[in-house]
Amino acid sequence: MSATVVLNPDREKSLKRRHPWVFASAVASLKGKCRSGDTVDVVSATGEWLGRGAYSPESQIRVRMWTFNQSESIDNGFFLRRIDQALRLRQRLFADRDTNSFRLIASESDGLPGITIDVYNTVAVVQLLSAGGEKHRNKIVWALNKLLPELAVFERSDVDVRKKEGLEPVVQVLSGEPEKQVTITENGLNILVDIEQGHKTGFYLDQRDSRAAAGRYAKGATVLNCFSYTGTFSCYALQGGATHVTNVDVSEPALALARKHLEMNGLDTARCDMVNQDVFQVLRQYYEQKNQFDMVILDPPKFVDSKASLPRASRGYKDINMYGIHAVKPGGLLFTFSCSGLMPADLFQKIVADAALDAGRTIKIIERLSQASDHPVIGSYPEGHYLKGLICEVTD
């Protein structure tokens, strides 16, 4: 028999709307014995069964819901069904595209809270950020081996957020013999992904559509790619006809991989500069030098770690966008992004608009960008929408 979490009065509304989280403040009591990651039933204060989830005694998110179906057990078959359903959607999304890498499991939005699985050509990279994911690691690997037997499985559970679940970082091979660097194809471009040392699970698959958009707008343009990482925005831009691109990043290894990406795709390395400096410093230098580009791409790392950090992060976004706008020639384009889930889309738009006012420029939003379609957002979990992007024409 599983243990039972009893909620405080009037705290069942979110679960009835199938939101996948139960916060510690909503819990009245725990009936029965339960260890971290164990499956618990969740009931209202009046005893009404609401759902079944993974218990996490050290997290503010005390239960992450697996199912709202009382007859569904959390066994091997459960993980097989969830991953199979997600795989069928991805096969539809990429059936006719020259892309062999995608997000297979987008955590809560694919019914597996705290679990991310990215497929990079020959390797599935698993990231387990919740006590429930940690508990059922073997079932997840079993299901992957069953559905995608040709793939090796590698784990990159080395994210700080695991500490909130009382978990230590883990990086390990789970099955097969994965290559440490995997060559993937994305919209026909070849990209080298470092699954062991790269950001997140190795690469930013969520920006696939945004990179393609940059390629569409780049013909004849000079492009400044800030926080360029391994330079894939620049590869799309050069393939799209950009006359010159400049990659700016603090990481020399990332820029070295950016050079390799140019060579792998037969792109002219003479049309690309690599600037190994802090982006904020470089943008200030360009402002002082009145150095401008036809297209500026701002894709910074996550600035918002908590609601308390939102005001500070907002100032950071405003500063970087003001200098980014200064760097755009009149009539040129700004591509600007926030990957912070706690940054509301309307606030981000206001920050960019205010940055334009401070820069004495006018922006015209011509396109809104979001995470790629293999990063879906389930209707009951709007928090799944984290990546916001704007393409703006900048004029004086």
Foldseek 3Di string as FASTA:
>chain_A
DAKEWEFDAPQCVLLVLVDFFDFPNGTDDIGDDDDFQDKYFYAYNVGHTRAIFTAQVQARRGTGGQDRDPVDDPDLVSLLVLLVVLVVVVCVVPVPFQWQKFWSDQAVQSRHHQWTWIDANAAIEIAHQGSNCVVCVVSNVVSCCVVPVRHWYWYFNCDPSSVSSVDHTDTGTDGDDDDQWGWTAQRRATAIFRCRPAPDRGDQQQCSVVLLVLLCPQAQWEEEEECCQQPSSVVSNQVSHHQAYEYEHQDPVRPVNNLVSCVRRVHDCVRYHYHNDHLLVVLVVCLVVLAAIQEYEADDDAQDPDPVRVVVSLVVLLSSLLSSLSRHDAQGKYKYKHQALPQDQVSSVVSNCVSCVVNVKHKDFDDKDFTDPSQDAHPSHNSSTRMIITMIRIHD
